[in-house]
Amino acid sequence: MLIDQHGRQLRYLRLAVTDRCNLRCRYCMPAEGIDFAPRSALLDYDEILYLCEVLADLGIEKVRLTGGEPLVRRDLPVLVRGLGHLFPTLAMTTNGVLLPKYLDELAVAGLTHYNLSLDTLRSDRFFAITRRDEYEATRAALTELLRRGYPVKINVVVMRGQNDDELLDFVELTRNNAVDIRFIETMPFNDDDGNHDVFLSYTDMLERIRAAHPDLEQDTGRGGSSVGFRIPGYSGKIGIIPAYSRSLCGSCDRLRLTPRGTMLNCLYSTKGLELLPLLRSGIGREDLVDLIRAYVHGKYATGHETERREQQGNIFASMTSIGG
């Protein structure tokens, strides 16, 4: 098992398979992109599967594929098939642009849970946020996922003055659709795009939703990174993720692996365990396990503590370089 110094067992891996993306969302990446890693600097599929086999033996039960946009990595279903033999739950966070053409392959490979990134229900605003004209492709992906009956979560990064006036429109999607809308606080990365200026807190979001829906009920059975709510009679659910407030750190069971092979035990970590050079230098499995256990044991109590101890100013060029 992987147990940190606060007694939390880590069971969930967020696996970023690429830092590349076919969108340029303003809260995530500069318009010109970032200094993308050359292929030789990325974990290859054999290396990913080896690490995941080790992590499965150490108690990791769920893997979520992230990026960048995971579907821009060539032959992704090949990786998913390998992961399907290791983990009971496989999920993916995607912008959906490329998803319909891969859905059949991914289903056969064992991927059944999807988080769709969709920050607006307006095509003109979608372009303003993502700098790409792909609104119809993302909506088509959502339609197809619902048609096939997949468990779907929609991730909405809420930005004051940009899309916060759509909170109730997204809530309305849950009336007749069995979707889980997850409103996410902006995080202090990619500072040049003004994430601090557009920040809207968990509390503010909840107050706005509750003002329109005073019968809103908290979903006490929900765990993970969001606080869940329901409106009586609605088919879907609502969640709010206090990503910057970080009020749910006490129950964190997550581990992250970046495309370059850096293991991070917190989204705000900057001092990770560099696994790629260790693998390529031929480290033995027992030594690898010992290093991973020691690194996980040192996980701080909260993201605030991690930020205070490890960060020096705004050092992240993009969320896409670490996997959200």
C-alpha atoms as a PDB file:
ATOM      1  CA  MET A   1       0.000   0.000   0.000  1.00  0.00           C
ATOM      2  CA  LEU A   2       0.922   3.643  -0.391  1.00  0.00           C
ATOM      3  CA  ILE A   3       0.378   5.475   2.892  1.00  0.00           C
ATOM      4  CA  ASP A   4       1.410   9.072   3.537  1.00  0.00           C
ATOM      5  CA  GLN A   5       2.615  10.536   6.814  1.00  0.00           C
ATOM      6  CA  HIS A   6      -0.949  11.569   7.679  1.00  0.00           C
ATOM      7  CA  GLY A   7      -2.347   8.064   7.323  1.00  0.00           C
ATOM      8  CA  ARG A   8      -4.056   8.571   3.959  1.00  0.00           C
ATOM      9  CA  GLN A   9      -3.929   5.665   1.534  1.00  0.00           C
ATOM     10  CA  LEU A  10      -3.406   6.660  -2.087  1.00  0.00           C
ATOM     11  CA  ARG A  11      -5.660   4.707  -4.462  1.00  0.00           C
ATOM     12  CA  TYR A  12      -6.097   7.023  -7.450  1.00  0.00           C
ATOM     13  CA  LEU A  13      -3.616   7.912 -10.210  1.00  0.00           C
ATOM     14  CA  ARG A  14      -4.044  10.841 -12.574  1.00  0.00           C
ATOM     15  CA  LEU A  15      -1.942   9.842 -15.559  1.00  0.00           C
ATOM     16  CA  ALA A  16      -1.039  12.659 -17.965  1.00  0.00           C
ATOM     17  CA  VAL A  17      -0.035  11.039 -21.236  1.00  0.00           C
ATOM     18  CA  THR A  18       0.869  14.206 -23.165  1.00  0.00           C
ATOM     19  CA  ASP A  19       1.398  17.932 -22.657  1.00  0.00           C
ATOM     20  CA  ARG A  20      -0.019  18.717 -26.106  1.00  0.00           C
ATOM     21  CA  CYS A  21      -3.548  19.890 -26.739  1.00  0.00           C
ATOM     22  CA  ASN A  22      -5.709  20.831 -29.709  1.00  0.00           C
ATOM     23  CA  LEU A  23      -7.235  23.760 -27.770  1.00  0.00           C
ATOM     24  CA  ARG A  24      -5.596  26.765 -26.108  1.00  0.00           C
ATOM     25  CA  CYS A  25      -7.861  27.450 -23.131  1.00  0.00           C
ATOM     26  CA  ARG A  26      -7.014  30.810 -21.573  1.00  0.00           C
ATOM     27  CA  TYR A  27      -6.837  29.514 -18.000  1.00  0.00           C
ATOM     28  CA  CYS A  28      -4.583  26.627 -18.994  1.00  0.00           C
ATOM     29  CA  MET A  29      -2.183  27.519 -21.802  1.00  0.00           C
ATOM     30  CA  PRO A  30      -0.776  30.640 -23.491  1.00  0.00           C
ATOM     31  CA  ALA A  31      -2.033  31.351 -27.002  1.00  0.00           C
ATOM     32  CA  GLU A  32       1.329  30.379 -28.510  1.00  0.00           C
ATOM     33  CA  GLY A  33       1.403  27.100 -26.603  1.00  0.00           C
ATOM     34  CA  ILE A  34       4.242  25.996 -24.333  1.00  0.00           C
ATOM     35  CA  ASP A  35       7.643  24.412 -24.801  1.00  0.00           C
ATOM     36  CA  PHE A  36       6.228  20.982 -25.611  1.00  0.00           C
ATOM     37  CA  ALA A  37       8.319  17.971 -24.699  1.00  0.00           C
ATOM     38  CA  PRO A  38       9.967  16.047 -27.548  1.00  0.00           C
ATOM     39  CA  ARG A  39       8.799  12.440 -27.812  1.00  0.00           C
ATOM     40  CA  SER A  40      12.088  11.145 -26.412  1.00  0.00           C
ATOM     41  CA  ALA A  41      11.448  13.113 -23.211  1.00  0.00           C
ATOM     42  CA  LEU A  42       8.078  11.432 -22.623  1.00  0.00           C
ATOM     43  CA  LEU A  43       7.402   8.118 -20.968  1.00  0.00           C
ATOM     44  CA  ASP A  44       6.686   5.590 -23.712  1.00  0.00           C
ATOM     45  CA  TYR A  45       3.787   3.175 -23.381  1.00  0.00           C
ATOM     46  CA  ASP A  46       5.942   0.308 -22.124  1.00  0.00           C
ATOM     47  CA  GLU A  47       7.363   2.556 -19.400  1.00  0.00           C
ATOM     48  CA  ILE A  48       3.897   3.798 -18.444  1.00  0.00           C
ATOM     49  CA  LEU A  49       2.533   0.266 -18.218  1.00  0.00           C
ATOM     50  CA  TYR A  50       5.482  -0.902 -16.143  1.00  0.00           C
ATOM     51  CA  LEU A  51       5.016   1.944 -13.674  1.00  0.00           C
ATOM     52  CA  CYS A  52       1.279   1.321 -13.559  1.00  0.00           C
ATOM     53  CA  GLU A  53       1.845  -2.366 -12.882  1.00  0.00           C
ATOM     54  CA  VAL A  54       4.032  -1.400  -9.929  1.00  0.00           C
ATOM     55  CA  LEU A  55       1.432   1.095  -8.697  1.00  0.00           C
ATOM     56  CA  ALA A  56      -1.387  -1.423  -9.058  1.00  0.00           C
ATOM     57  CA  ASP A  57       0.562  -3.805  -6.836  1.00  0.00           C
ATOM     58  CA  LEU A  58       0.903  -0.940  -4.341  1.00  0.00           C
ATOM     59  CA  GLY A  59      -2.854  -0.409  -4.127  1.00  0.00           C
ATOM     60  CA  ILE A  60      -3.741   2.056  -6.892  1.00  0.00           C
ATOM     61  CA  GLU A  61      -7.251   1.111  -8.025  1.00  0.00           C
ATOM     62  CA  LYS A  62      -8.359   3.874 -10.366  1.00  0.00           C
ATOM     63  CA  VAL A  63      -6.586   5.628 -13.234  1.00  0.00           C
ATOM     64  CA  ARG A  64      -7.737   8.769 -15.012  1.00  0.00           C
ATOM     65  CA  LEU A  65      -6.036   9.655 -18.293  1.00  0.00           C
ATOM     66  CA  THR A  66      -5.371  13.372 -18.641  1.00  0.00           C
ATOM     67  CA  GLY A  67      -3.139  15.708 -20.605  1.00  0.00           C
ATOM     68  CA  GLY A  68      -3.009  18.085 -22.363  1.00  0.00           C
ATOM     69  CA  GLU A  69      -5.624  16.340 -24.438  1.00  0.00           C
ATOM     70  CA  PRO A  70      -5.006  12.593 -24.107  1.00  0.00           C
ATOM     71  CA  LEU A  71      -6.490  11.758 -27.510  1.00  0.00           C
ATOM     72  CA  VAL A  72      -3.789  13.670 -29.366  1.00  0.00           C
ATOM     73  CA  ARG A  73      -1.298  11.009 -28.229  1.00  0.00           C
ATOM     74  CA  ARG A  74      -0.925   8.475 -31.020  1.00  0.00           C
ATOM     75  CA  ASP A  75      -2.464   5.019 -30.535  1.00  0.00           C
ATOM     76  CA  LEU A  76      -3.983   5.849 -27.157  1.00  0.00           C
ATOM     77  CA  PRO A  77      -6.350   2.818 -27.252  1.00  0.00           C
ATOM     78  CA  VAL A  78      -3.247   0.607 -27.202  1.00  0.00           C
ATOM     79  CA  LEU A  79      -2.281   2.081 -23.841  1.00  0.00           C
ATOM     80  CA  VAL A  80      -5.851   1.821 -22.564  1.00  0.00           C
ATOM     81  CA  ARG A  81      -5.952  -1.892 -23.376  1.00  0.00           C
ATOM     82  CA  GLY A  82      -2.849  -2.434 -21.283  1.00  0.00           C
ATOM     83  CA  LEU A  83      -4.228  -0.406 -18.394  1.00  0.00           C
ATOM     84  CA  GLY A  84      -7.520  -2.296 -18.579  1.00  0.00           C
ATOM     85  CA  HIS A  85      -5.755  -5.440 -17.394  1.00  0.00           C
ATOM     86  CA  LEU A  86      -4.416  -3.642 -14.316  1.00  0.00           C
ATOM     87  CA  PHE A  87      -7.181  -1.446 -12.927  1.00  0.00           C
ATOM     88  CA  PRO A  88     -10.887  -1.977 -12.210  1.00  0.00           C
ATOM     89  CA  THR A  89     -11.737   1.650 -13.079  1.00  0.00           C
ATOM     90  CA  LEU A  90     -10.434   3.555 -16.095  1.00  0.00           C
ATOM     91  CA  ALA A  91     -11.541   7.109 -16.807  1.00  0.00           C
ATOM     92  CA  MET A  92     -10.473   9.943 -19.065  1.00  0.00           C
ATOM     93  CA  THR A  93     -10.726  13.726 -19.042  1.00  0.00           C
ATOM     94  CA  THR A  94     -11.072  15.049 -22.590  1.00  0.00           C
ATOM     95  CA  ASN A  95     -12.267  18.095 -24.493  1.00  0.00           C
ATOM     96  CA  GLY A  96     -14.152  15.672 -26.732  1.00  0.00           C
ATOM     97  CA  VAL A  97     -13.028  17.102 -30.075  1.00  0.00           C
ATOM     98  CA  LEU A  98     -11.509  13.791 -31.220  1.00  0.00           C
ATOM     99  CA  LEU A  99     -13.599  11.485 -29.047  1.00  0.00           C
ATOM    100  CA  PRO A 100     -16.377  10.159 -31.345  1.00  0.00           C
ATOM    101  CA  LYS A 101     -13.960   8.460 -33.754  1.00  0.00           C
ATOM    102  CA  TYR A 102     -12.245   6.626 -30.868  1.00  0.00           C
ATOM    103  CA  LEU A 103     -15.245   5.681 -28.727  1.00  0.00           C
ATOM    104  CA  ASP A 104     -15.656   2.150 -30.087  1.00  0.00           C
ATOM    105  CA  GLU A 105     -11.964   1.334 -29.639  1.00  0.00           C
ATOM    106  CA  LEU A 106     -11.872   2.814 -26.159  1.00  0.00           C
ATOM    107  CA  ALA A 107     -14.967   0.867 -25.115  1.00  0.00           C
ATOM    108  CA  VAL A 108     -13.394  -2.418 -26.203  1.00  0.00           C
ATOM    109  CA  ALA A 109     -10.169  -1.442 -24.418  1.00  0.00           C
ATOM    110  CA  GLY A 110     -12.053  -0.947 -21.154  1.00  0.00           C
ATOM    111  CA  LEU A 111     -12.527   2.802 -20.733  1.00  0.00           C
ATOM    112  CA  THR A 112     -16.030   3.561 -19.455  1.00  0.00           C
ATOM    113  CA  HIS A 113     -15.974   6.844 -17.476  1.00  0.00           C
ATOM    114  CA  TYR A 114     -15.583  10.257 -19.078  1.00  0.00           C
ATOM    115  CA  ASN A 115     -15.085  13.811 -17.881  1.00  0.00           C
ATOM    116  CA  LEU A 116     -15.835  16.251 -20.675  1.00  0.00           C
ATOM    117  CA  SER A 117     -14.289  19.716 -20.430  1.00  0.00           C
ATOM    118  CA  LEU A 118     -16.916  22.248 -21.496  1.00  0.00           C
ATOM    119  CA  ASP A 119     -16.781  25.753 -20.016  1.00  0.00           C
ATOM    120  CA  THR A 120     -19.640  27.367 -21.904  1.00  0.00           C
ATOM    121  CA  LEU A 121     -22.853  26.514 -23.742  1.00  0.00           C
ATOM    122  CA  ARG A 122     -22.340  29.336 -26.248  1.00  0.00           C
ATOM    123  CA  SER A 123     -20.316  28.805 -29.418  1.00  0.00           C
ATOM    124  CA  ASP A 124     -18.951  32.367 -29.583  1.00  0.00           C
ATOM    125  CA  ARG A 125     -17.827  32.206 -25.962  1.00  0.00           C
ATOM    126  CA  PHE A 126     -16.295  28.759 -26.533  1.00  0.00           C
ATOM    127  CA  PHE A 127     -14.019  30.308 -29.153  1.00  0.00           C
ATOM    128  CA  ALA A 128     -13.111  33.189 -26.842  1.00  0.00           C
ATOM    129  CA  ILE A 129     -12.151  30.783 -24.041  1.00  0.00           C
ATOM    130  CA  THR A 130     -10.432  28.030 -26.035  1.00  0.00           C
ATOM    131  CA  ARG A 131      -9.108  30.108 -28.987  1.00  0.00           C
ATOM    132  CA  ARG A 132     -10.382  27.327 -31.256  1.00  0.00           C
ATOM    133  CA  ASP A 133     -13.645  26.876 -33.176  1.00  0.00           C
ATOM    134  CA  GLU A 134     -14.527  23.405 -31.896  1.00  0.00           C
ATOM    135  CA  TYR A 135     -17.758  23.979 -29.973  1.00  0.00           C
ATOM    136  CA  GLU A 136     -19.878  21.752 -32.213  1.00  0.00           C
ATOM    137  CA  ALA A 137     -17.356  18.908 -31.951  1.00  0.00           C
ATOM    138  CA  THR A 138     -17.397  19.024 -28.151  1.00  0.00           C
ATOM    139  CA  ARG A 139     -21.205  19.160 -28.013  1.00  0.00           C
ATOM    140  CA  ALA A 140     -21.360  16.237 -30.473  1.00  0.00           C
ATOM    141  CA  ALA A 141     -19.125  14.236 -28.143  1.00  0.00           C
ATOM    142  CA  LEU A 142     -21.439  14.978 -25.218  1.00  0.00           C
ATOM    143  CA  THR A 143     -24.481  13.922 -27.226  1.00  0.00           C
ATOM    144  CA  GLU A 144     -22.832  10.655 -28.220  1.00  0.00           C
ATOM    145  CA  LEU A 145     -21.683   9.844 -24.682  1.00  0.00           C
ATOM    146  CA  LEU A 146     -25.207  10.375 -23.362  1.00  0.00           C
ATOM    147  CA  ARG A 147     -26.701   8.346 -26.207  1.00  0.00           C
ATOM    148  CA  ARG A 148     -24.460   5.424 -25.313  1.00  0.00           C
ATOM    149  CA  GLY A 149     -25.284   5.679 -21.623  1.00  0.00           C
ATOM    150  CA  TYR A 150     -21.786   6.339 -20.314  1.00  0.00           C
ATOM    151  CA  PRO A 151     -21.315   7.907 -16.874  1.00  0.00           C
ATOM    152  CA  VAL A 152     -20.502  11.500 -17.841  1.00  0.00           C
ATOM    153  CA  LYS A 153     -19.159  14.403 -15.827  1.00  0.00           C
ATOM    154  CA  ILE A 154     -18.895  17.859 -17.362  1.00  0.00           C
ATOM    155  CA  ASN A 155     -16.009  19.949 -16.037  1.00  0.00           C
ATOM    156  CA  VAL A 156     -16.730  23.687 -16.022  1.00  0.00           C
ATOM    157  CA  VAL A 157     -13.918  26.037 -14.992  1.00  0.00           C
ATOM    158  CA  VAL A 158     -15.878  29.020 -13.689  1.00  0.00           C
ATOM    159  CA  MET A 159     -14.423  32.450 -14.489  1.00  0.00           C
ATOM    160  CA  ARG A 160     -15.856  35.675 -13.134  1.00  0.00           C
ATOM    161  CA  GLY A 161     -16.964  37.961 -15.936  1.00  0.00           C
ATOM    162  CA  GLN A 162     -16.404  35.304 -18.606  1.00  0.00           C
ATOM    163  CA  ASN A 163     -18.799  32.416 -18.029  1.00  0.00           C
ATOM    164  CA  ASP A 164     -20.128  32.744 -14.471  1.00  0.00           C
ATOM    165  CA  ASP A 165     -23.456  33.966 -15.854  1.00  0.00           C
ATOM    166  CA  GLU A 166     -23.970  30.413 -17.199  1.00  0.00           C
ATOM    167  CA  LEU A 167     -23.945  28.651 -13.832  1.00  0.00           C
ATOM    168  CA  LEU A 168     -27.700  28.162 -13.848  1.00  0.00           C
ATOM    169  CA  ASP A 169     -27.725  27.132 -17.519  1.00  0.00           C
ATOM    170  CA  PHE A 170     -25.379  24.277 -16.677  1.00  0.00           C
ATOM    171  CA  VAL A 171     -27.478  23.377 -13.643  1.00  0.00           C
ATOM    172  CA  GLU A 172     -30.485  23.155 -15.965  1.00  0.00           C
ATOM    173  CA  LEU A 173     -28.688  20.455 -17.979  1.00  0.00           C
ATOM    174  CA  THR A 174     -29.138  18.158 -14.991  1.00  0.00           C
ATOM    175  CA  ARG A 175     -32.933  18.436 -15.090  1.00  0.00           C
ATOM    176  CA  ASN A 176     -33.436  15.773 -17.758  1.00  0.00           C
ATOM    177  CA  ASN A 177     -29.904  14.414 -18.279  1.00  0.00           C
ATOM    178  CA  ALA A 178     -28.078  12.012 -15.979  1.00  0.00           C
ATOM    179  CA  VAL A 179     -24.918  14.102 -16.037  1.00  0.00           C
ATOM    180  CA  ASP A 180     -22.734  15.315 -13.210  1.00  0.00           C
ATOM    181  CA  ILE A 181     -21.851  18.992 -13.641  1.00  0.00           C
ATOM    182  CA  ARG A 182     -18.655  19.902 -11.788  1.00  0.00           C
ATOM    183  CA  PHE A 183     -17.951  23.608 -11.305  1.00  0.00           C
ATOM    184  CA  ILE A 184     -14.232  24.211 -10.719  1.00  0.00           C
ATOM    185  CA  GLU A 185     -12.483  27.175  -9.128  1.00  0.00           C
ATOM    186  CA  THR A 186      -9.723  28.634 -11.291  1.00  0.00           C
ATOM    187  CA  MET A 187      -6.201  27.915 -10.096  1.00  0.00           C
ATOM    188  CA  PRO A 188      -3.194  30.267  -9.923  1.00  0.00           C
ATOM    189  CA  PHE A 189      -1.338  28.776 -12.892  1.00  0.00           C
ATOM    190  CA  ASN A 190      -0.656  30.425 -16.251  1.00  0.00           C
ATOM    191  CA  ASP A 191      -0.701  33.765 -14.436  1.00  0.00           C
ATOM    192  CA  ASP A 192      -0.285  35.902 -17.537  1.00  0.00           C
ATOM    193  CA  ASP A 193      -3.857  35.072 -18.504  1.00  0.00           C
ATOM    194  CA  GLY A 194      -5.222  36.580 -15.324  1.00  0.00           C
ATOM    195  CA  ASN A 195      -6.576  33.598 -13.381  1.00  0.00           C
ATOM    196  CA  HIS A 196      -6.539  35.583 -10.147  1.00  0.00           C
ATOM    197  CA  ASP A 197      -8.657  38.302 -11.706  1.00  0.00           C
ATOM    198  CA  VAL A 198     -11.372  35.863 -12.809  1.00  0.00           C
ATOM    199  CA  PHE A 199     -11.459  33.791  -9.624  1.00  0.00           C
ATOM    200  CA  LEU A 200     -14.900  32.908  -8.280  1.00  0.00           C
ATOM    201  CA  SER A 201     -14.982  30.987  -5.020  1.00  0.00           C
ATOM    202  CA  TYR A 202     -16.809  27.808  -4.112  1.00  0.00           C
ATOM    203  CA  THR A 203     -18.906  29.848  -1.659  1.00  0.00           C
ATOM    204  CA  ASP A 204     -19.934  32.384  -4.298  1.00  0.00           C
ATOM    205  CA  MET A 205     -20.933  29.646  -6.741  1.00  0.00           C
ATOM    206  CA  LEU A 206     -22.976  27.823  -4.126  1.00  0.00           C
ATOM    207  CA  GLU A 207     -24.771  31.009  -3.051  1.00  0.00           C
ATOM    208  CA  ARG A 208     -25.778  31.778  -6.637  1.00  0.00           C
ATOM    209  CA  ILE A 209     -27.090  28.272  -7.257  1.00  0.00           C
ATOM    210  CA  ARG A 210     -28.920  28.098  -3.946  1.00  0.00           C
ATOM    211  CA  ALA A 211     -30.565  31.478  -4.546  1.00  0.00           C
ATOM    212  CA  ALA A 212     -32.217  30.041  -7.672  1.00  0.00           C
ATOM    213  CA  HIS A 213     -32.769  26.582  -6.181  1.00  0.00           C
ATOM    214  CA  PRO A 214     -33.483  26.893  -2.443  1.00  0.00           C
ATOM    215  CA  ASP A 215     -34.371  23.172  -2.339  1.00  0.00           C
ATOM    216  CA  LEU A 216     -30.772  22.250  -3.241  1.00  0.00           C
ATOM    217  CA  GLU A 217     -29.653  19.242  -1.189  1.00  0.00           C
ATOM    218  CA  GLN A 218     -26.105  18.191  -0.369  1.00  0.00           C
ATOM    219  CA  ASP A 219     -25.185  14.734  -1.649  1.00  0.00           C
ATOM    220  CA  THR A 220     -23.649  13.295   1.508  1.00  0.00           C
ATOM    221  CA  GLY A 221     -22.646  10.042  -0.120  1.00  0.00           C
ATOM    222  CA  ARG A 222     -20.230  11.711  -2.475  1.00  0.00           C
ATOM    223  CA  GLY A 223     -16.479  11.643  -1.993  1.00  0.00           C
ATOM    224  CA  GLY A 224     -13.483  12.731  -4.012  1.00  0.00           C
ATOM    225  CA  SER A 225     -12.454  16.230  -4.985  1.00  0.00           C
ATOM    226  CA  SER A 226     -15.881  17.864  -5.138  1.00  0.00           C
ATOM    227  CA  VAL A 227     -18.744  18.666  -2.804  1.00  0.00           C
ATOM    228  CA  GLY A 228     -21.918  17.256  -4.359  1.00  0.00           C
ATOM    229  CA  PHE A 229     -25.484  18.543  -4.505  1.00  0.00           C
ATOM    230  CA  ARG A 230     -28.825  17.525  -5.985  1.00  0.00           C
ATOM    231  CA  ILE A 231     -32.024  19.289  -6.880  1.00  0.00           C
ATOM    232  CA  PRO A 232     -35.053  17.117  -6.028  1.00  0.00           C
ATOM    233  CA  GLY A 233     -36.617  15.716  -9.190  1.00  0.00           C
ATOM    234  CA  TYR A 234     -33.596  16.408 -11.387  1.00  0.00           C
ATOM    235  CA  SER A 235     -31.927  13.485 -13.165  1.00  0.00           C
ATOM    236  CA  GLY A 236     -28.333  14.653 -12.760  1.00  0.00           C
ATOM    237  CA  LYS A 237     -26.066  16.012 -10.046  1.00  0.00           C
ATOM    238  CA  ILE A 238     -23.993  19.096  -9.325  1.00  0.00           C
ATOM    239  CA  GLY A 239     -20.533  19.264  -7.785  1.00  0.00           C
ATOM    240  CA  ILE A 240     -18.278  22.158  -6.841  1.00  0.00           C
ATOM    241  CA  ILE A 241     -14.518  21.622  -6.722  1.00  0.00           C
ATOM    242  CA  PRO A 242     -12.662  24.000  -4.374  1.00  0.00           C
ATOM    243  CA  ALA A 243      -9.479  23.645  -6.433  1.00  0.00           C
ATOM    244  CA  TYR A 244      -7.875  26.850  -5.141  1.00  0.00           C
ATOM    245  CA  SER A 245      -9.598  26.989  -1.762  1.00  0.00           C
ATOM    246  CA  ARG A 246      -8.389  23.408  -1.189  1.00  0.00           C
ATOM    247  CA  SER A 247     -10.841  22.624   1.586  1.00  0.00           C
ATOM    248  CA  LEU A 248     -10.957  18.885   0.786  1.00  0.00           C
ATOM    249  CA  CYS A 249      -7.244  18.100   1.082  1.00  0.00           C
ATOM    250  CA  GLY A 250      -7.739  16.029   4.222  1.00  0.00           C
ATOM    251  CA  SER A 251      -9.242  13.169   2.225  1.00  0.00           C
ATOM    252  CA  CYS A 252      -6.906  13.354  -0.780  1.00  0.00           C
ATOM    253  CA  ASP A 253      -5.991   9.924  -2.160  1.00  0.00           C
ATOM    254  CA  ARG A 254      -4.397  11.070  -5.426  1.00  0.00           C
ATOM    255  CA  LEU A 255      -1.061  10.607  -7.071  1.00  0.00           C
ATOM    256  CA  ARG A 256      -0.043  12.259 -10.340  1.00  0.00           C
ATOM    257  CA  LEU A 257       2.306  11.194 -13.106  1.00  0.00           C
ATOM    258  CA  THR A 258       3.318  13.805 -15.679  1.00  0.00           C
ATOM    259  CA  PRO A 259       4.075  13.058 -19.352  1.00  0.00           C
ATOM    260  CA  ARG A 260       7.784  13.493 -18.604  1.00  0.00           C
ATOM    261  CA  GLY A 261       7.686  10.854 -15.901  1.00  0.00           C
ATOM    262  CA  THR A 262       7.606  13.055 -12.818  1.00  0.00           C
ATOM    263  CA  MET A 263       5.540  11.688  -9.939  1.00  0.00           C
ATOM    264  CA  LEU A 264       3.705  14.389  -7.970  1.00  0.00           C
ATOM    265  CA  ASN A 265       1.807  13.789  -4.751  1.00  0.00           C
ATOM    266  CA  CYS A 266      -0.044  17.127  -4.949  1.00  0.00           C
ATOM    267  CA  LEU A 267      -1.286  19.375  -7.746  1.00  0.00           C
ATOM    268  CA  TYR A 268       0.783  22.175  -6.194  1.00  0.00           C
ATOM    269  CA  SER A 269       3.976  20.107  -5.929  1.00  0.00           C
ATOM    270  CA  THR A 270       7.115  21.256  -7.692  1.00  0.00           C
ATOM    271  CA  LYS A 271       9.545  18.770  -6.124  1.00  0.00           C
ATOM    272  CA  GLY A 272       8.462  15.505  -7.648  1.00  0.00           C
ATOM    273  CA  LEU A 273      10.088  12.104  -8.015  1.00  0.00           C
ATOM    274  CA  GLU A 274      11.792  11.944 -11.420  1.00  0.00           C
ATOM    275  CA  LEU A 275      11.051   8.404 -12.589  1.00  0.00           C
ATOM    276  CA  LEU A 276      11.965   8.516 -16.276  1.00  0.00           C
ATOM    277  CA  PRO A 277      15.767   8.693 -15.792  1.00  0.00           C
ATOM    278  CA  LEU A 278      15.536   6.001 -13.128  1.00  0.00           C
ATOM    279  CA  LEU A 279      13.715   3.661 -15.493  1.00  0.00           C
ATOM    280  CA  ARG A 280      16.138   4.300 -18.326  1.00  0.00           C
ATOM    281  CA  SER A 281      19.125   3.707 -16.088  1.00  0.00           C
ATOM    282  CA  GLY A 282      17.748   0.265 -15.209  1.00  0.00           C
ATOM    283  CA  ILE A 283      16.608   0.695 -11.602  1.00  0.00           C
ATOM    284  CA  GLY A 284      15.457  -2.542 -10.008  1.00  0.00           C
ATOM    285  CA  ARG A 285      11.814  -3.021  -9.065  1.00  0.00           C
ATOM    286  CA  GLU A 286      12.418  -3.242  -5.311  1.00  0.00           C
ATOM    287  CA  ASP A 287      14.455  -0.045  -5.307  1.00  0.00           C
ATOM    288  CA  LEU A 288      11.770   1.667  -7.375  1.00  0.00           C
ATOM    289  CA  VAL A 289       9.062   0.594  -4.934  1.00  0.00           C
ATOM    290  CA  ASP A 290      11.106   1.858  -1.982  1.00  0.00           C
ATOM    291  CA  LEU A 291      11.570   5.273  -3.627  1.00  0.00           C
ATOM    292  CA  ILE A 292       7.874   5.609  -4.477  1.00  0.00           C
ATOM    293  CA  ARG A 293       6.813   4.648  -0.961  1.00  0.00           C
ATOM    294  CA  ALA A 294       9.232   7.124   0.584  1.00  0.00           C
ATOM    295  CA  TYR A 295       8.060   9.897  -1.725  1.00  0.00           C
ATOM    296  CA  VAL A 296       4.376   9.255  -1.039  1.00  0.00           C
ATOM    297  CA  HIS A 297       5.038   9.118   2.695  1.00  0.00           C
ATOM    298  CA  GLY A 298       6.270  12.719   2.546  1.00  0.00           C
ATOM    299  CA  LYS A 299       2.972  14.078   1.145  1.00  0.00           C
ATOM    300  CA  TYR A 300       2.015  17.260   2.985  1.00  0.00           C
ATOM    301  CA  ALA A 301      -1.282  17.668   4.794  1.00  0.00           C
ATOM    302  CA  THR A 302      -2.715  20.242   2.389  1.00  0.00           C
ATOM    303  CA  GLY A 303      -2.121  21.946  -0.932  1.00  0.00           C
ATOM    304  CA  HIS A 304      -1.580  25.193   0.967  1.00  0.00           C
ATOM    305  CA  GLU A 305       1.318  23.630   2.860  1.00  0.00           C
ATOM    306  CA  THR A 306       2.745  22.202  -0.361  1.00  0.00           C
ATOM    307  CA  GLU A 307       2.564  25.594  -2.044  1.00  0.00           C
ATOM    308  CA  ARG A 308       4.179  27.319   0.926  1.00  0.00           C
ATOM    309  CA  ARG A 309       7.052  24.839   1.158  1.00  0.00           C
ATOM    310  CA  GLU A 310       7.762  24.193  -2.515  1.00  0.00           C
ATOM    311  CA  GLN A 311       6.709  27.072  -4.751  1.00  0.00           C
ATOM    312  CA  GLN A 312       8.528  30.301  -5.416  1.00  0.00           C
ATOM    313  CA  GLY A 313       6.148  32.623  -7.236  1.00  0.00           C
ATOM    314  CA  ASN A 314       4.173  31.470 -10.251  1.00  0.00           C
ATOM    315  CA  ILE A 315       6.335  28.765 -11.784  1.00  0.00           C
ATOM    316  CA  PHE A 316       3.839  26.822 -13.905  1.00  0.00           C
ATOM    317  CA  ALA A 317       3.725  27.895 -17.543  1.00  0.00           C
ATOM    318  CA  SER A 318       0.635  25.760 -18.055  1.00  0.00           C
ATOM    319  CA  MET A 319      -1.639  23.279 -16.349  1.00  0.00           C
ATOM    320  CA  THR A 320      -1.125  21.063 -19.385  1.00  0.00           C
ATOM    321  CA  SER A 321       2.476  20.371 -18.345  1.00  0.00           C
ATOM    322  CA  ILE A 322       1.432  18.607 -15.135  1.00  0.00           C
ATOM    323  CA  GLY A 323      -2.021  17.198 -15.845  1.00  0.00           C
ATOM    324  CA  GLY A 324      -4.974  18.773 -14.059  1.00  0.00           C
END
